[in-house]
Amino acid sequence: MNDLQMTENGDLLISENDISRTDSIMQAILIRLRWWFGEWKFGPEYGVKYYEHVLVKNPNKTVIMSEITKQIMQVDGVQRVENLEVLIDPKNRKAVIRYTVVLESSEKYEGEVSIWQSME
């Protein structure tokens, strides 16, 4: 299924004076992993608990992996998470999430999302 493609900043991607399209499942995973818990006023219970689990002094890898897997599995069309790696830089309050998912169509998709919290 196709969707309107977004830029890293969440704006519509326009290329050659036309709106670009992308695979909606892959984009939905990116959106879910960039969504901070409590960020959306109409659904404050949605999002990844980065402040609570990831960007903390002594992060619990098991809890983090479970949280990220749960978010990815909530995307329609994802069959399973095959590989998941979370690299955390607690000093700079940054994290990189690398994942491989298997879709219901048996296709594999690899992706990466960078998460950071500006302290300014």
N, C-alpha and C. Protein backbone atom coordinates (compact mmCIF):
# COMPACT_ATOMS: atom_id res chain seq x y z
N MET A 1 0.84 -1.17 0.00
CA MET A 1 0.00 0.00 0.00
C MET A 1 0.89 1.24 0.00
N ASN A 2 0.50 2.24 -0.74
CA ASN A 2 1.28 3.48 -0.83
C ASN A 2 0.65 4.59 0.00
N ASP A 3 1.49 5.55 0.34
CA ASP A 3 1.07 6.67 1.17
C ASP A 3 1.85 7.90 0.70
N LEU A 4 1.46 9.07 1.16
CA LEU A 4 2.21 10.27 0.86
C LEU A 4 3.49 10.24 1.69
N GLN A 5 4.63 10.49 1.06
CA GLN A 5 5.91 10.41 1.75
C GLN A 5 6.20 11.68 2.52
N MET A 6 6.76 11.49 3.72
CA MET A 6 7.11 12.62 4.58
C MET A 6 8.63 12.75 4.65
N THR A 7 9.08 13.97 4.93
CA THR A 7 10.50 14.22 5.13
C THR A 7 10.87 13.86 6.57
N GLU A 8 12.15 13.99 6.90
CA GLU A 8 12.61 13.74 8.27
C GLU A 8 11.90 14.65 9.28
N ASN A 9 11.50 15.84 8.82
CA ASN A 9 10.83 16.81 9.70
C ASN A 9 9.32 16.63 9.76
N GLY A 10 8.79 15.67 9.02
CA GLY A 10 7.35 15.41 9.04
C GLY A 10 6.55 16.19 8.02
N ASP A 11 7.23 16.91 7.12
CA ASP A 11 6.54 17.63 6.06
C ASP A 11 6.35 16.71 4.85
N LEU A 12 5.41 17.06 3.97
CA LEU A 12 5.25 16.29 2.74
C LEU A 12 6.48 16.46 1.86
N LEU A 13 6.96 15.36 1.30
CA LEU A 13 8.11 15.40 0.41
C LEU A 13 7.63 15.74 -0.99
N ILE A 14 8.16 16.84 -1.52
CA ILE A 14 7.81 17.27 -2.88
C ILE A 14 9.07 17.19 -3.71
N SER A 15 9.00 16.42 -4.78
CA SER A 15 10.13 16.22 -5.68
C SER A 15 9.68 16.51 -7.10
N GLU A 16 10.44 17.35 -7.80
CA GLU A 16 10.11 17.72 -9.18
C GLU A 16 8.68 18.25 -9.27
N ASN A 17 8.32 19.12 -8.32
CA ASN A 17 7.01 19.78 -8.27
C ASN A 17 5.84 18.81 -8.11
N ASP A 18 6.09 17.64 -7.52
CA ASP A 18 5.03 16.67 -7.31
C ASP A 18 5.21 16.04 -5.93
N ILE A 19 4.12 15.61 -5.35
CA ILE A 19 4.16 14.94 -4.05
C ILE A 19 4.67 13.52 -4.26
N SER A 20 5.60 13.11 -3.41
CA SER A 20 6.19 11.77 -3.52
C SER A 20 5.36 10.76 -2.75
N ARG A 21 5.46 9.49 -3.18
CA ARG A 21 4.75 8.40 -2.52
C ARG A 21 5.76 7.43 -1.93
N THR A 22 5.31 6.68 -0.92
CA THR A 22 6.16 5.69 -0.28
C THR A 22 5.31 4.54 0.22
N ASP A 23 5.95 3.49 0.69
CA ASP A 23 5.24 2.36 1.27
C ASP A 23 4.70 2.78 2.64
N SER A 24 3.42 2.63 2.85
CA SER A 24 2.78 3.12 4.07
C SER A 24 3.20 2.34 5.31
N ILE A 25 3.51 1.05 5.18
CA ILE A 25 3.92 0.26 6.35
C ILE A 25 5.25 0.77 6.88
N MET A 26 6.20 0.99 6.01
CA MET A 26 7.51 1.44 6.43
C MET A 26 7.43 2.82 7.08
N GLN A 27 6.63 3.69 6.46
CA GLN A 27 6.48 5.03 7.01
C GLN A 27 5.75 4.99 8.35
N ALA A 28 4.78 4.10 8.49
CA ALA A 28 4.05 3.98 9.76
C ALA A 28 4.98 3.54 10.89
N ILE A 29 5.94 2.67 10.59
CA ILE A 29 6.92 2.26 11.61
C ILE A 29 7.75 3.46 12.03
N LEU A 30 8.23 4.22 11.06
CA LEU A 30 9.02 5.41 11.38
C LEU A 30 8.24 6.40 12.24
N ILE A 31 6.99 6.62 11.89
CA ILE A 31 6.15 7.54 12.66
C ILE A 31 5.98 7.04 14.08
N ARG A 32 5.68 5.76 14.24
CA ARG A 32 5.50 5.20 15.59
C ARG A 32 6.74 5.34 16.45
N LEU A 33 7.91 5.10 15.85
CA LEU A 33 9.14 5.16 16.63
C LEU A 33 9.62 6.59 16.89
N ARG A 34 9.10 7.54 16.16
CA ARG A 34 9.44 8.95 16.41
C ARG A 34 8.43 9.63 17.34
N TRP A 35 7.38 8.92 17.69
CA TRP A 35 6.29 9.48 18.47
C TRP A 35 6.59 9.30 19.96
N TRP A 36 6.78 10.38 20.66
CA TRP A 36 7.08 10.36 22.10
C TRP A 36 5.79 10.19 22.89
N PHE A 37 5.83 9.37 23.92
CA PHE A 37 4.68 9.11 24.78
C PHE A 37 4.14 10.43 25.33
N GLY A 38 2.82 10.61 25.21
CA GLY A 38 2.16 11.80 25.73
C GLY A 38 2.26 13.02 24.84
N GLU A 39 2.89 12.89 23.69
CA GLU A 39 3.12 14.03 22.81
C GLU A 39 1.84 14.54 22.13
N TRP A 40 0.95 13.62 21.77
CA TRP A 40 -0.25 14.00 21.02
C TRP A 40 -1.40 14.24 21.98
N LYS A 41 -1.94 15.46 21.97
CA LYS A 41 -2.97 15.81 22.94
C LYS A 41 -4.27 15.03 22.76
N PHE A 42 -4.53 14.49 21.57
CA PHE A 42 -5.75 13.72 21.33
C PHE A 42 -5.58 12.23 21.65
N GLY A 43 -4.35 11.82 21.92
CA GLY A 43 -4.06 10.43 22.27
C GLY A 43 -2.83 10.38 23.16
N PRO A 44 -2.90 10.98 24.35
CA PRO A 44 -1.71 11.06 25.20
C PRO A 44 -1.18 9.70 25.65
N GLU A 45 -1.96 8.65 25.48
CA GLU A 45 -1.51 7.31 25.86
C GLU A 45 -0.69 6.64 24.76
N TYR A 46 -0.56 7.29 23.61
CA TYR A 46 0.21 6.74 22.49
C TYR A 46 1.66 7.22 22.53
N GLY A 47 2.53 6.46 21.90
CA GLY A 47 3.92 6.86 21.75
C GLY A 47 4.87 5.97 22.54
N VAL A 48 6.16 6.15 22.25
CA VAL A 48 7.22 5.39 22.92
C VAL A 48 7.63 6.13 24.18
N LYS A 49 7.83 5.40 25.24
CA LYS A 49 8.20 5.99 26.53
C LYS A 49 9.71 6.23 26.61
N TYR A 50 10.19 7.15 25.79
CA TYR A 50 11.61 7.45 25.76
C TYR A 50 12.10 8.05 27.07
N TYR A 51 11.35 8.99 27.63
CA TYR A 51 11.75 9.62 28.91
C TYR A 51 11.72 8.61 30.05
N GLU A 52 10.79 7.69 30.00
CA GLU A 52 10.61 6.75 31.10
C GLU A 52 11.57 5.56 31.03
N HIS A 53 11.92 5.11 29.81
CA HIS A 53 12.69 3.87 29.67
C HIS A 53 14.04 4.00 28.96
N VAL A 54 14.15 4.88 28.01
CA VAL A 54 15.35 4.91 27.17
C VAL A 54 16.35 5.96 27.62
N LEU A 55 15.91 7.20 27.70
CA LEU A 55 16.81 8.30 28.02
C LEU A 55 16.89 8.53 29.53
N VAL A 56 17.27 7.48 30.23
CA VAL A 56 17.40 7.51 31.69
C VAL A 56 18.82 7.09 32.07
N LYS A 57 19.15 7.28 33.34
CA LYS A 57 20.52 7.02 33.79
C LYS A 57 20.96 5.57 33.59
N ASN A 58 20.18 4.62 34.02
CA ASN A 58 20.51 3.20 33.87
C ASN A 58 19.39 2.48 33.11
N PRO A 59 19.37 2.60 31.78
CA PRO A 59 18.28 2.01 31.01
C PRO A 59 18.28 0.49 31.07
N ASN A 60 17.08 -0.08 31.15
CA ASN A 60 16.90 -1.53 31.19
C ASN A 60 16.65 -2.01 29.75
N LYS A 61 17.64 -2.69 29.17
CA LYS A 61 17.56 -3.12 27.77
C LYS A 61 16.35 -4.01 27.49
N THR A 62 16.00 -4.87 28.41
CA THR A 62 14.86 -5.76 28.21
C THR A 62 13.56 -4.97 28.07
N VAL A 63 13.38 -3.98 28.93
CA VAL A 63 12.18 -3.14 28.88
C VAL A 63 12.15 -2.33 27.59
N ILE A 64 13.30 -1.81 27.21
CA ILE A 64 13.39 -1.00 25.99
C ILE A 64 13.05 -1.84 24.76
N MET A 65 13.64 -3.01 24.67
CA MET A 65 13.39 -3.89 23.52
C MET A 65 11.91 -4.27 23.44
N SER A 66 11.31 -4.52 24.59
CA SER A 66 9.89 -4.86 24.64
C SER A 66 9.03 -3.68 24.18
N GLU A 67 9.35 -2.48 24.64
CA GLU A 67 8.61 -1.27 24.28
C GLU A 67 8.70 -1.00 22.77
N ILE A 68 9.89 -1.10 22.21
CA ILE A 68 10.08 -0.85 20.78
C ILE A 68 9.37 -1.92 19.95
N THR A 69 9.52 -3.18 20.34
CA THR A 69 8.86 -4.27 19.63
C THR A 69 7.35 -4.08 19.65
N LYS A 70 6.81 -3.71 20.80
CA LYS A 70 5.36 -3.47 20.93
C LYS A 70 4.90 -2.39 19.96
N GLN A 71 5.65 -1.31 19.85
CA GLN A 71 5.27 -0.22 18.95
C GLN A 71 5.30 -0.67 17.49
N ILE A 72 6.34 -1.40 17.10
CA ILE A 72 6.44 -1.86 15.71
C ILE A 72 5.33 -2.84 15.39
N MET A 73 5.03 -3.74 16.31
CA MET A 73 3.99 -4.76 16.06
C MET A 73 2.59 -4.17 15.97
N GLN A 74 2.38 -2.95 16.41
CA GLN A 74 1.07 -2.32 16.31
C GLN A 74 0.80 -1.76 14.92
N VAL A 75 1.81 -1.80 14.05
CA VAL A 75 1.63 -1.33 12.67
C VAL A 75 0.99 -2.44 11.85
N ASP A 76 -0.13 -2.13 11.20
CA ASP A 76 -0.80 -3.10 10.33
C ASP A 76 0.13 -3.55 9.22
N GLY A 77 0.20 -4.87 9.02
CA GLY A 77 1.02 -5.42 7.95
C GLY A 77 2.34 -6.01 8.43
N VAL A 78 2.70 -5.73 9.70
CA VAL A 78 3.94 -6.29 10.24
C VAL A 78 3.63 -7.65 10.85
N GLN A 79 4.38 -8.67 10.42
CA GLN A 79 4.19 -10.02 10.96
C GLN A 79 5.04 -10.25 12.19
N ARG A 80 6.33 -9.83 12.12
CA ARG A 80 7.22 -10.01 13.27
C ARG A 80 8.43 -9.09 13.16
N VAL A 81 9.05 -8.85 14.30
CA VAL A 81 10.32 -8.13 14.35
C VAL A 81 11.40 -9.19 14.38
N GLU A 82 12.23 -9.20 13.35
CA GLU A 82 13.24 -10.24 13.23
C GLU A 82 14.55 -9.86 13.93
N ASN A 83 14.89 -8.59 13.88
CA ASN A 83 16.12 -8.12 14.51
C ASN A 83 15.88 -6.73 15.07
N LEU A 84 16.42 -6.47 16.25
CA LEU A 84 16.24 -5.17 16.88
C LEU A 84 17.51 -4.82 17.65
N GLU A 85 18.02 -3.62 17.40
CA GLU A 85 19.21 -3.14 18.08
C GLU A 85 18.94 -1.71 18.52
N VAL A 86 19.19 -1.43 19.78
CA VAL A 86 19.01 -0.08 20.31
C VAL A 86 20.34 0.37 20.89
N LEU A 87 20.92 1.42 20.28
CA LEU A 87 22.19 1.98 20.74
C LEU A 87 21.89 3.27 21.48
N ILE A 88 22.25 3.33 22.75
CA ILE A 88 21.90 4.47 23.60
C ILE A 88 23.15 5.25 23.98
N ASP A 89 23.06 6.56 23.86
CA ASP A 89 24.10 7.48 24.30
C ASP A 89 23.49 8.33 25.42
N PRO A 90 23.52 7.83 26.67
CA PRO A 90 22.83 8.54 27.75
C PRO A 90 23.42 9.91 28.05
N LYS A 91 24.71 10.09 27.85
CA LYS A 91 25.35 11.38 28.12
C LYS A 91 24.74 12.49 27.26
N ASN A 92 24.53 12.18 25.98
CA ASN A 92 23.97 13.16 25.04
C ASN A 92 22.47 13.00 24.83
N ARG A 93 21.86 12.07 25.58
CA ARG A 93 20.42 11.80 25.49
C ARG A 93 19.99 11.52 24.06
N LYS A 94 20.68 10.54 23.46
CA LYS A 94 20.38 10.13 22.09
C LYS A 94 20.26 8.62 22.04
N ALA A 95 19.55 8.15 21.03
CA ALA A 95 19.44 6.71 20.80
C ALA A 95 19.26 6.47 19.30
N VAL A 96 19.76 5.34 18.85
CA VAL A 96 19.56 4.91 17.46
C VAL A 96 18.91 3.53 17.53
N ILE A 97 17.82 3.38 16.81
CA ILE A 97 17.08 2.12 16.78
C ILE A 97 17.22 1.55 15.37
N ARG A 98 17.77 0.34 15.29
CA ARG A 98 17.89 -0.37 14.01
C ARG A 98 17.03 -1.62 14.10
N TYR A 99 16.28 -1.88 13.04
CA TYR A 99 15.35 -3.00 13.09
C TYR A 99 15.20 -3.66 11.74
N THR A 100 14.83 -4.93 11.79
CA THR A 100 14.43 -5.68 10.60
C THR A 100 13.07 -6.28 10.92
N VAL A 101 12.12 -6.04 10.04
CA VAL A 101 10.78 -6.59 10.23
C VAL A 101 10.43 -7.47 9.04
N VAL A 102 9.57 -8.44 9.31
CA VAL A 102 9.01 -9.28 8.26
C VAL A 102 7.55 -8.89 8.15
N LEU A 103 7.14 -8.57 6.93
CA LEU A 103 5.76 -8.16 6.70
C LEU A 103 4.87 -9.37 6.45
N GLU A 104 3.58 -9.17 6.49
CA GLU A 104 2.63 -10.25 6.22
C GLU A 104 2.80 -10.79 4.81
N SER A 105 3.35 -9.97 3.93
CA SER A 105 3.61 -10.40 2.55
C SER A 105 4.91 -11.20 2.44
N SER A 106 5.59 -11.45 3.57
CA SER A 106 6.87 -12.16 3.67
C SER A 106 8.07 -11.32 3.24
N GLU A 107 7.84 -10.07 2.86
CA GLU A 107 8.96 -9.18 2.54
C GLU A 107 9.66 -8.77 3.82
N LYS A 108 10.96 -8.51 3.72
CA LYS A 108 11.74 -8.00 4.85
C LYS A 108 12.05 -6.54 4.62
N TYR A 109 12.08 -5.80 5.69
CA TYR A 109 12.40 -4.38 5.62
C TYR A 109 13.34 -4.04 6.76
N GLU A 110 14.40 -3.33 6.44
CA GLU A 110 15.33 -2.85 7.45
C GLU A 110 15.19 -1.34 7.56
N GLY A 111 15.26 -0.85 8.79
CA GLY A 111 15.14 0.59 8.98
C GLY A 111 15.96 1.05 10.17
N GLU A 112 16.08 2.36 10.26
CA GLU A 112 16.83 2.97 11.35
C GLU A 112 16.18 4.29 11.71
N VAL A 113 16.07 4.56 13.00
CA VAL A 113 15.50 5.80 13.49
C VAL A 113 16.44 6.36 14.55
N SER A 114 16.74 7.65 14.44
CA SER A 114 17.54 8.33 15.46
C SER A 114 16.61 9.14 16.35
N ILE A 115 16.82 9.00 17.64
CA ILE A 115 16.01 9.70 18.64
C ILE A 115 16.94 10.57 19.46
N TRP A 116 16.55 11.78 19.72
CA TRP A 116 17.35 12.64 20.57
C TRP A 116 16.43 13.61 21.29
N GLN A 117 16.92 14.13 22.39
CA GLN A 117 16.17 15.14 23.13
C GLN A 117 17.04 16.36 23.27
N SER A 118 16.61 17.44 22.65
CA SER A 118 17.35 18.69 22.78
C SER A 118 17.22 19.21 24.19
N MET A 119 18.31 19.56 24.78
CA MET A 119 18.31 20.05 26.16
C MET A 119 18.34 21.58 26.21
N GLU A 120 18.10 22.23 25.08
CA GLU A 120 18.14 23.69 25.02
C GLU A 120 16.91 24.31 25.61
